[in-house]
PDB file of all heavy atoms in Angstrom:
ATOM      1  N   TYR A   1       0.874  -1.167   0.000  1.00  0.00           N
ATOM      2  CA  TYR A   1       0.000   0.000   0.000  1.00  0.00           C
ATOM      3  C   TYR A   1       0.915   1.221   0.000  1.00  0.00           C
ATOM      4  O   TYR A   1       1.537   1.531   1.014  1.00  0.00           O
ATOM      5  CB  TYR A   1      -0.900   0.005   1.229  1.00  0.00           C
ATOM      6  CG  TYR A   1      -1.856   1.168   1.287  1.00  0.00           C
ATOM      7  CD1 TYR A   1      -3.076   1.116   0.633  1.00  0.00           C
ATOM      8  CD2 TYR A   1      -1.534   2.327   1.993  1.00  0.00           C
ATOM      9  CE1 TYR A   1      -3.959   2.190   0.677  1.00  0.00           C
ATOM     10  CE2 TYR A   1      -2.400   3.406   2.045  1.00  0.00           C
ATOM     11  CZ  TYR A   1      -3.608   3.328   1.381  1.00  0.00           C
ATOM     12  OH  TYR A   1      -4.470   4.399   1.419  1.00  0.00           O
ATOM     13  N   PRO A   2       1.053   1.911  -1.149  1.00  0.00           N
ATOM     14  CA  PRO A   2       2.020   3.010  -1.257  1.00  0.00           C
ATOM     15  C   PRO A   2       1.746   4.147  -0.280  1.00  0.00           C
ATOM     16  O   PRO A   2       0.591   4.552  -0.088  1.00  0.00           O
ATOM     17  CB  PRO A   2       1.834   3.488  -2.704  1.00  0.00           C
ATOM     18  CG  PRO A   2       1.300   2.299  -3.428  1.00  0.00           C
ATOM     19  CD  PRO A   2       0.392   1.641  -2.434  1.00  0.00           C
ATOM     20  N   ILE A   3       2.823   4.669   0.328  1.00  0.00           N
ATOM     21  CA  ILE A   3       2.684   5.804   1.250  1.00  0.00           C
ATOM     22  C   ILE A   3       3.745   6.872   1.017  1.00  0.00           C
ATOM     23  O   ILE A   3       3.627   7.969   1.557  1.00  0.00           O
ATOM     24  CB  ILE A   3       2.745   5.355   2.728  1.00  0.00           C
ATOM     25  CG1 ILE A   3       4.082   4.676   3.029  1.00  0.00           C
ATOM     26  CG2 ILE A   3       1.570   4.451   3.079  1.00  0.00           C
ATOM     27  CD1 ILE A   3       4.325   4.442   4.514  1.00  0.00           C
ATOM     28  N   GLU A   4       4.770   6.571   0.235  1.00  0.00           N
ATOM     29  CA  GLU A   4       5.886   7.503   0.056  1.00  0.00           C
ATOM     30  C   GLU A   4       6.295   7.540  -1.417  1.00  0.00           C
ATOM     31  O   GLU A   4       6.425   6.503  -2.059  1.00  0.00           O
ATOM     32  CB  GLU A   4       7.082   7.056   0.906  1.00  0.00           C
ATOM     33  CG  GLU A   4       8.282   7.979   0.865  1.00  0.00           C
ATOM     34  CD  GLU A   4       8.094   9.230   1.688  1.00  0.00           C
ATOM     35  OE1 GLU A   4       7.591   9.126   2.824  1.00  0.00           O
ATOM     36  OE2 GLU A   4       8.448  10.321   1.195  1.00  0.00           O
ATOM     37  N   GLY A   5       6.478   8.758  -1.943  1.00  0.00           N
ATOM     38  CA  GLY A   5       6.948   8.897  -3.318  1.00  0.00           C
ATOM     39  C   GLY A   5       5.949   8.440  -4.361  1.00  0.00           C
ATOM     40  O   GLY A   5       6.338   7.948  -5.423  1.00  0.00           O
ATOM     41  N   ILE A   6       4.673   8.619  -4.074  1.00  0.00           N
ATOM     42  CA  ILE A   6       3.627   8.140  -4.989  1.00  0.00           C
ATOM     43  C   ILE A   6       3.737   8.763  -6.382  1.00  0.00           C
ATOM     44  O   ILE A   6       3.593   8.045  -7.390  1.00  0.00           O
ATOM     45  CB  ILE A   6       2.232   8.340  -4.374  1.00  0.00           C
ATOM     46  CG1 ILE A   6       2.071   7.400  -3.167  1.00  0.00           C
ATOM     47  CG2 ILE A   6       1.121   8.084  -5.397  1.00  0.00           C
ATOM     48  CD1 ILE A   6       0.806   7.606  -2.357  1.00  0.00           C
ATOM     49  N   PRO A   7       4.020  10.061  -6.525  1.00  0.00           N
ATOM     50  CA  PRO A   7       4.189  10.618  -7.876  1.00  0.00           C
ATOM     51  C   PRO A   7       5.285   9.913  -8.681  1.00  0.00           C
ATOM     52  O   PRO A   7       5.128   9.688  -9.893  1.00  0.00           O
ATOM     53  CB  PRO A   7       4.548  12.087  -7.610  1.00  0.00           C
ATOM     54  CG  PRO A   7       3.894  12.393  -6.310  1.00  0.00           C
ATOM     55  CD  PRO A   7       4.061  11.132  -5.500  1.00  0.00           C
ATOM     56  N   SER A   8       6.367   9.547  -8.015  1.00  0.00           N
ATOM     57  CA  SER A   8       7.447   8.817  -8.704  1.00  0.00           C
ATOM     58  C   SER A   8       6.986   7.424  -9.115  1.00  0.00           C
ATOM     59  O   SER A   8       7.323   6.934 -10.201  1.00  0.00           O
ATOM     60  CB  SER A   8       8.676   8.710  -7.797  1.00  0.00           C
ATOM     61  OG  SER A   8       9.235   9.990  -7.537  1.00  0.00           O
ATOM     62  N   MET A   9       6.206   6.768  -8.251  1.00  0.00           N
ATOM     63  CA  MET A   9       5.657   5.451  -8.583  1.00  0.00           C
ATOM     64  C   MET A   9       4.732   5.548  -9.793  1.00  0.00           C
ATOM     65  O   MET A   9       4.753   4.685 -10.679  1.00  0.00           O
ATOM     66  CB  MET A   9       4.893   4.879  -7.388  1.00  0.00           C
ATOM     67  CG  MET A   9       5.745   4.498  -6.197  1.00  0.00           C
ATOM     68  SD  MET A   9       4.689   3.704  -4.943  1.00  0.00           S
ATOM     69  CE  MET A   9       5.883   3.361  -3.673  1.00  0.00           C
ATOM     70  N   GLU A  10       3.918   6.593  -9.829  1.00  0.00           N
ATOM     71  CA  GLU A  10       2.996   6.773 -10.947  1.00  0.00           C
ATOM     72  C   GLU A  10       3.765   6.966 -12.259  1.00  0.00           C
ATOM     73  O   GLU A  10       3.380   6.436 -13.300  1.00  0.00           O
ATOM     74  CB  GLU A  10       2.090   7.978 -10.678  1.00  0.00           C
ATOM     75  CG  GLU A  10       1.099   7.744  -9.540  1.00  0.00           C
ATOM     76  CD  GLU A  10       0.251   8.964  -9.250  1.00  0.00           C
ATOM     77  OE1 GLU A  10       0.763  10.101  -9.395  1.00  0.00           O
ATOM     78  OE2 GLU A  10      -0.921   8.787  -8.864  1.00  0.00           O
ATOM     79  N   LYS A  11       4.839   7.709 -12.184  1.00  0.00           N
ATOM     80  CA  LYS A  11       5.655   7.952 -13.380  1.00  0.00           C
ATOM     81  C   LYS A  11       6.312   6.666 -13.857  1.00  0.00           C
ATOM     82  O   LYS A  11       6.350   6.390 -15.065  1.00  0.00           O
ATOM     83  CB  LYS A  11       6.713   9.010 -13.070  1.00  0.00           C
ATOM     84  CG  LYS A  11       7.537   9.437 -14.277  1.00  0.00           C
ATOM     85  CD  LYS A  11       8.481  10.571 -13.914  1.00  0.00           C
ATOM     86  CE  LYS A  11       9.294  11.012 -15.126  1.00  0.00           C
ATOM     87  NZ  LYS A  11      10.230  12.131 -14.784  1.00  0.00           N
ATOM     88  N   ARG A  12       6.817   5.859 -12.920  1.00  0.00           N
ATOM     89  CA  ARG A  12       7.487   4.612 -13.282  1.00  0.00           C
ATOM     90  C   ARG A  12       6.532   3.600 -13.903  1.00  0.00           C
ATOM     91  O   ARG A  12       6.897   2.842 -14.806  1.00  0.00           O
ATOM     92  CB  ARG A  12       8.139   3.998 -12.047  1.00  0.00           C
ATOM     93  CG  ARG A  12       9.349   4.746 -11.525  1.00  0.00           C
ATOM     94  CD  ARG A  12       9.718   4.264 -10.129  1.00  0.00           C
ATOM     95  NE  ARG A  12      10.880   4.953  -9.596  1.00  0.00           N
ATOM     96  CZ  ARG A  12      11.257   4.907  -8.323  1.00  0.00           C
ATOM     97  NH1 ARG A  12      10.537   4.195  -7.445  1.00  0.00           N
ATOM     98  NH2 ARG A  12      12.328   5.560  -7.918  1.00  0.00           N
ATOM     99  N   THR A  13       5.308   3.574 -13.403  1.00  0.00           N
ATOM    100  CA  THR A  13       4.333   2.570 -13.855  1.00  0.00           C
ATOM    101  C   THR A  13       3.399   3.087 -14.938  1.00  0.00           C
ATOM    102  O   THR A  13       2.665   2.300 -15.536  1.00  0.00           O
ATOM    103  CB  THR A  13       3.479   2.088 -12.664  1.00  0.00           C
ATOM    104  OG1 THR A  13       2.770   3.210 -12.109  1.00  0.00           O
ATOM    105  CG2 THR A  13       4.353   1.452 -11.589  1.00  0.00           C
ATOM    106  N   ASN A  14       3.416   4.404 -15.139  1.00  0.00           N
ATOM    107  CA  ASN A  14       2.487   5.036 -16.082  1.00  0.00           C
ATOM    108  C   ASN A  14       1.037   4.748 -15.701  1.00  0.00           C
ATOM    109  O   ASN A  14       0.171   4.567 -16.561  1.00  0.00           O
ATOM    110  CB  ASN A  14       2.752   4.577 -17.525  1.00  0.00           C
ATOM    111  CG  ASN A  14       2.126   5.505 -18.557  1.00  0.00           C
ATOM    112  OD1 ASN A  14       1.971   6.706 -18.317  1.00  0.00           O
ATOM    113  ND2 ASN A  14       1.737   4.960 -19.697  1.00  0.00           N
ATOM    114  N   LYS A  15       0.800   4.721 -14.385  1.00  0.00           N
ATOM    115  CA  LYS A  15      -0.546   4.498 -13.853  1.00  0.00           C
ATOM    116  C   LYS A  15      -0.799   5.470 -12.705  1.00  0.00           C
ATOM    117  O   LYS A  15       0.142   5.993 -12.110  1.00  0.00           O
ATOM    118  CB  LYS A  15      -0.710   3.062 -13.352  1.00  0.00           C
ATOM    119  CG  LYS A  15      -0.660   2.004 -14.442  1.00  0.00           C
ATOM    120  CD  LYS A  15      -0.866   0.624 -13.846  1.00  0.00           C
ATOM    121  CE  LYS A  15      -0.835  -0.448 -14.934  1.00  0.00           C
ATOM    122  NZ  LYS A  15      -1.025  -1.809 -14.363  1.00  0.00           N
ATOM    123  N   LYS A  16      -2.056   5.673 -12.400  1.00  0.00           N
ATOM    124  CA  LYS A  16      -2.426   6.522 -11.286  1.00  0.00           C
ATOM    125  C   LYS A  16      -2.643   5.688 -10.034  1.00  0.00           C
ATOM    126  O   LYS A  16      -3.178   4.574 -10.105  1.00  0.00           O
ATOM    127  CB  LYS A  16      -3.701   7.318 -11.617  1.00  0.00           C
ATOM    128  CG  LYS A  16      -3.506   8.390 -12.678  1.00  0.00           C
ATOM    129  CD  LYS A  16      -2.588   9.490 -12.167  1.00  0.00           C
ATOM    130  CE  LYS A  16      -2.456  10.614 -13.177  1.00  0.00           C
ATOM    131  NZ  LYS A  16      -1.515  11.663 -12.708  1.00  0.00           N
ATOM    132  N   PHE A  17      -2.247   6.250  -8.903  1.00  0.00           N
ATOM    133  CA  PHE A  17      -2.413   5.566  -7.624  1.00  0.00           C
ATOM    134  C   PHE A  17      -3.869   5.190  -7.380  1.00  0.00           C
ATOM    135  O   PHE A  17      -4.171   4.172  -6.760  1.00  0.00           O
ATOM    136  CB  PHE A  17      -1.897   6.482  -6.508  1.00  0.00           C
ATOM    137  CG  PHE A  17      -2.148   5.984  -5.116  1.00  0.00           C
ATOM    138  CD1 PHE A  17      -1.775   4.704  -4.725  1.00  0.00           C
ATOM    139  CD2 PHE A  17      -2.760   6.802  -4.173  1.00  0.00           C
ATOM    140  CE1 PHE A  17      -2.002   4.256  -3.429  1.00  0.00           C
ATOM    141  CE2 PHE A  17      -2.989   6.366  -2.885  1.00  0.00           C
ATOM    142  CZ  PHE A  17      -2.607   5.092  -2.515  1.00  0.00           C
ATOM    143  N   SER A  18      -4.778   6.011  -7.903  1.00  0.00           N
ATOM    144  CA  SER A  18      -6.211   5.774  -7.703  1.00  0.00           C
ATOM    145  C   SER A  18      -6.737   4.578  -8.491  1.00  0.00           C
ATOM    146  O   SER A  18      -7.821   4.075  -8.213  1.00  0.00           O
ATOM    147  CB  SER A  18      -7.012   7.020  -8.084  1.00  0.00           C
ATOM    148  OG  SER A  18      -6.749   7.385  -9.424  1.00  0.00           O
ATOM    149  N   GLN A  19      -5.956   4.109  -9.483  1.00  0.00           N
ATOM    150  CA  GLN A  19      -6.403   2.975 -10.284  1.00  0.00           C
ATOM    151  C   GLN A  19      -6.369   1.690  -9.474  1.00  0.00           C
ATOM    152  O   GLN A  19      -5.444   1.438  -8.691  1.00  0.00           O
ATOM    153  CB  GLN A  19      -5.510   2.802 -11.519  1.00  0.00           C
ATOM    154  CG  GLN A  19      -5.714   3.858 -12.581  1.00  0.00           C
ATOM    155  CD  GLN A  19      -4.815   3.620 -13.779  1.00  0.00           C
ATOM    156  OE1 GLN A  19      -3.862   4.347 -14.002  1.00  0.00           O
ATOM    157  NE2 GLN A  19      -5.119   2.597 -14.549  1.00  0.00           N
ATOM    158  N   LYS A  20      -7.387   0.863  -9.675  1.00  0.00           N
ATOM    159  CA  LYS A  20      -7.450  -0.420  -8.985  1.00  0.00           C
ATOM    160  C   LYS A  20      -6.259  -1.287  -9.394  1.00  0.00           C
ATOM    161  O   LYS A  20      -5.897  -1.357 -10.564  1.00  0.00           O
ATOM    162  CB  LYS A  20      -8.765  -1.137  -9.325  1.00  0.00           C
ATOM    163  CG  LYS A  20      -8.977  -2.424  -8.564  1.00  0.00           C
ATOM    164  CD  LYS A  20     -10.320  -3.050  -8.905  1.00  0.00           C
ATOM    165  CE  LYS A  20     -10.533  -4.339  -8.123  1.00  0.00           C
ATOM    166  NZ  LYS A  20     -11.839  -4.974  -8.455  1.00  0.00           N
ATOM    167  N   GLY A  21      -5.665  -1.940  -8.413  1.00  0.00           N
ATOM    168  CA  GLY A  21      -4.554  -2.841  -8.697  1.00  0.00           C
ATOM    169  C   GLY A  21      -3.233  -2.149  -8.956  1.00  0.00           C
ATOM    170  O   GLY A  21      -2.343  -2.723  -9.569  1.00  0.00           O
ATOM    171  N   PHE A  22      -3.072  -0.920  -8.458  1.00  0.00           N
ATOM    172  CA  PHE A  22      -1.860  -0.145  -8.708  1.00  0.00           C
ATOM    173  C   PHE A  22      -0.586  -0.876  -8.272  1.00  0.00           C
ATOM    174  O   PHE A  22       0.416  -0.858  -8.974  1.00  0.00           O
ATOM    175  CB  PHE A  22      -1.964   1.209  -7.996  1.00  0.00           C
ATOM    176  CG  PHE A  22      -0.769   2.099  -8.171  1.00  0.00           C
ATOM    177  CD1 PHE A  22      -0.547   2.750  -9.373  1.00  0.00           C
ATOM    178  CD2 PHE A  22       0.126   2.299  -7.128  1.00  0.00           C
ATOM    179  CE1 PHE A  22       0.556   3.584  -9.539  1.00  0.00           C
ATOM    180  CE2 PHE A  22       1.229   3.123  -7.287  1.00  0.00           C
ATOM    181  CZ  PHE A  22       1.446   3.769  -8.490  1.00  0.00           C
ATOM    182  N   SER A  23      -0.641  -1.514  -7.122  1.00  0.00           N
ATOM    183  CA  SER A  23       0.574  -2.174  -6.600  1.00  0.00           C
ATOM    184  C   SER A  23       0.244  -3.477  -5.884  1.00  0.00           C
ATOM    185  O   SER A  23       0.859  -3.807  -4.877  1.00  0.00           O
ATOM    186  CB  SER A  23       1.317  -1.229  -5.641  1.00  0.00           C
ATOM    187  OG  SER A  23       0.444  -0.812  -4.594  1.00  0.00           O
ATOM    188  N   ASP A  24      -0.722  -4.220  -6.428  1.00  0.00           N
ATOM    189  CA  ASP A  24      -1.138  -5.453  -5.754  1.00  0.00           C
ATOM    190  C   ASP A  24      -0.616  -6.715  -6.433  1.00  0.00           C
ATOM    191  O   ASP A  24      -1.166  -7.794  -6.264  1.00  0.00           O
ATOM    192  CB  ASP A  24      -2.660  -5.514  -5.643  1.00  0.00           C
ATOM    193  CG  ASP A  24      -3.349  -5.598  -7.006  1.00  0.00           C
ATOM    194  OD1 ASP A  24      -2.647  -5.508  -8.036  1.00  0.00           O
ATOM    195  OD2 ASP A  24      -4.576  -5.755  -7.040  1.00  0.00           O
ATOM    196  N   GLY A  25       0.470  -6.604  -7.169  1.00  0.00           N
ATOM    197  CA  GLY A  25       1.111  -7.763  -7.777  1.00  0.00           C
ATOM    198  C   GLY A  25       2.615  -7.616  -7.678  1.00  0.00           C
ATOM    199  O   GLY A  25       3.129  -6.487  -7.648  1.00  0.00           O
ATOM    200  N   PRO A  26       3.366  -8.707  -7.618  1.00  0.00           N
ATOM    201  CA  PRO A  26       4.817  -8.625  -7.392  1.00  0.00           C
ATOM    202  C   PRO A  26       5.571  -7.890  -8.490  1.00  0.00           C
ATOM    203  O   PRO A  26       6.530  -7.168  -8.211  1.00  0.00           O
ATOM    204  CB  PRO A  26       5.249 -10.090  -7.289  1.00  0.00           C
ATOM    205  CG  PRO A  26       4.166 -10.867  -7.970  1.00  0.00           C
ATOM    206  CD  PRO A  26       2.896 -10.097  -7.704  1.00  0.00           C
ATOM    207  N   GLY A  27       5.144  -8.052  -9.746  1.00  0.00           N
ATOM    208  CA  GLY A  27       5.800  -7.337 -10.832  1.00  0.00           C
ATOM    209  C   GLY A  27       5.490  -5.858 -10.800  1.00  0.00           C
ATOM    210  O   GLY A  27       6.373  -5.012 -10.997  1.00  0.00           O
ATOM    211  N   LYS A  28       4.233  -5.528 -10.527  1.00  0.00           N
ATOM    212  CA  LYS A  28       3.811  -4.123 -10.492  1.00  0.00           C
ATOM    213  C   LYS A  28       4.484  -3.353  -9.364  1.00  0.00           C
ATOM    214  O   LYS A  28       4.906  -2.208  -9.536  1.00  0.00           O
ATOM    215  CB  LYS A  28       2.287  -4.044 -10.370  1.00  0.00           C
ATOM    216  CG  LYS A  28       1.547  -4.448 -11.631  1.00  0.00           C
ATOM    217  CD  LYS A  28       0.053  -4.218 -11.524  1.00  0.00           C
ATOM    218  CE  LYS A  28      -0.638  -5.275 -10.710  1.00  0.00           C
ATOM    219  NZ  LYS A  28      -2.125  -5.108 -10.732  1.00  0.00           N
ATOM    220  N   LEU A  29       4.575  -3.972  -8.196  1.00  0.00           N
ATOM    221  CA  LEU A  29       5.163  -3.254  -7.065  1.00  0.00           C
ATOM    222  C   LEU A  29       6.667  -3.062  -7.254  1.00  0.00           C
ATOM    223  O   LEU A  29       7.221  -2.032  -6.863  1.00  0.00           O
ATOM    224  CB  LEU A  29       4.842  -3.943  -5.741  1.00  0.00           C
ATOM    225  CG  LEU A  29       5.498  -5.284  -5.415  1.00  0.00           C
ATOM    226  CD1 LEU A  29       6.870  -5.117  -4.786  1.00  0.00           C
ATOM    227  CD2 LEU A  29       4.601  -6.080  -4.501  1.00  0.00           C
ATOM    228  N   SER A  30       7.329  -4.046  -7.865  1.00  0.00           N
ATOM    229  CA  SER A  30       8.757  -3.891  -8.124  1.00  0.00           C
ATOM    230  C   SER A  30       9.006  -2.738  -9.094  1.00  0.00           C
ATOM    231  O   SER A  30       9.958  -1.962  -8.939  1.00  0.00           O
ATOM    232  CB  SER A  30       9.353  -5.181  -8.687  1.00  0.00           C
ATOM    233  OG  SER A  30       9.436  -6.175  -7.687  1.00  0.00           O
ATOM    234  N   LYS A  31       8.147  -2.624 -10.091  1.00  0.00           N
ATOM    235  CA  LYS A  31       8.267  -1.521 -11.041  1.00  0.00           C
ATOM    236  C   LYS A  31       8.053  -0.189 -10.336  1.00  0.00           C
ATOM    237  O   LYS A  31       8.784   0.781 -10.555  1.00  0.00           O
ATOM    238  CB  LYS A  31       7.257  -1.697 -12.174  1.00  0.00           C
ATOM    239  CG  LYS A  31       7.474  -0.765 -13.350  1.00  0.00           C
ATOM    240  CD  LYS A  31       6.567  -1.133 -14.511  1.00  0.00           C
ATOM    241  CE  LYS A  31       6.849  -0.272 -15.731  1.00  0.00           C
ATOM    242  NZ  LYS A  31       5.987  -0.647 -16.890  1.00  0.00           N
ATOM    243  N   ALA A  32       7.047  -0.139  -9.468  1.00  0.00           N
ATOM    244  CA  ALA A  32       6.762   1.089  -8.731  1.00  0.00           C
ATOM    245  C   ALA A  32       7.921   1.497  -7.821  1.00  0.00           C
ATOM    246  O   ALA A  32       8.228   2.683  -7.669  1.00  0.00           O
ATOM    247  CB  ALA A  32       5.486   0.919  -7.912  1.00  0.00           C
ATOM    248  N   LEU A  33       8.589   0.504  -7.232  1.00  0.00           N
ATOM    249  CA  LEU A  33       9.696   0.759  -6.314  1.00  0.00           C
ATOM    250  C   LEU A  33      11.055   0.799  -7.009  1.00  0.00           C
ATOM    251  O   LEU A  33      12.076   1.000  -6.352  1.00  0.00           O
ATOM    252  CB  LEU A  33       9.721  -0.311  -5.219  1.00  0.00           C
ATOM    253  CG  LEU A  33       8.535  -0.327  -4.253  1.00  0.00           C
ATOM    254  CD1 LEU A  33       8.565  -1.584  -3.386  1.00  0.00           C
ATOM    255  CD2 LEU A  33       8.510   0.926  -3.376  1.00  0.00           C
ATOM    256  N   ALA A  34      11.062   0.578  -8.345  1.00  0.00           N
ATOM    257  CA  ALA A  34      12.298   0.586  -9.151  1.00  0.00           C
ATOM    258  C   ALA A  34      13.261  -0.525  -8.761  1.00  0.00           C
ATOM    259  O   ALA A  34      14.487  -0.378  -8.873  1.00  0.00           O
ATOM    260  CB  ALA A  34      12.992   1.944  -9.080  1.00  0.00           C
ATOM    261  N   ILE A  35      12.724  -1.661  -8.323  1.00  0.00           N
ATOM    262  CA  ILE A  35      13.558  -2.813  -7.971  1.00  0.00           C
ATOM    263  C   ILE A  35      13.808  -3.646  -9.228  1.00  0.00           C
ATOM    264  O   ILE A  35      12.881  -3.975  -9.962  1.00  0.00           O
ATOM    265  CB  ILE A  35      12.881  -3.666  -6.888  1.00  0.00           C
ATOM    266  CG1 ILE A  35      12.781  -2.876  -5.576  1.00  0.00           C
ATOM    267  CG2 ILE A  35      13.647  -4.963  -6.667  1.00  0.00           C
ATOM    268  CD1 ILE A  35      11.989  -3.587  -4.489  1.00  0.00           C
TER     269      ILE A  35
END
């Protein structure tokens, strides 16, 4: 559940935090966190 650097996560994923499933999968969250 993102709490820090959300604008950067949105830029990395090309998705909005408000979208369903923004970071609820292992591949998506790694992309959001730049891992």
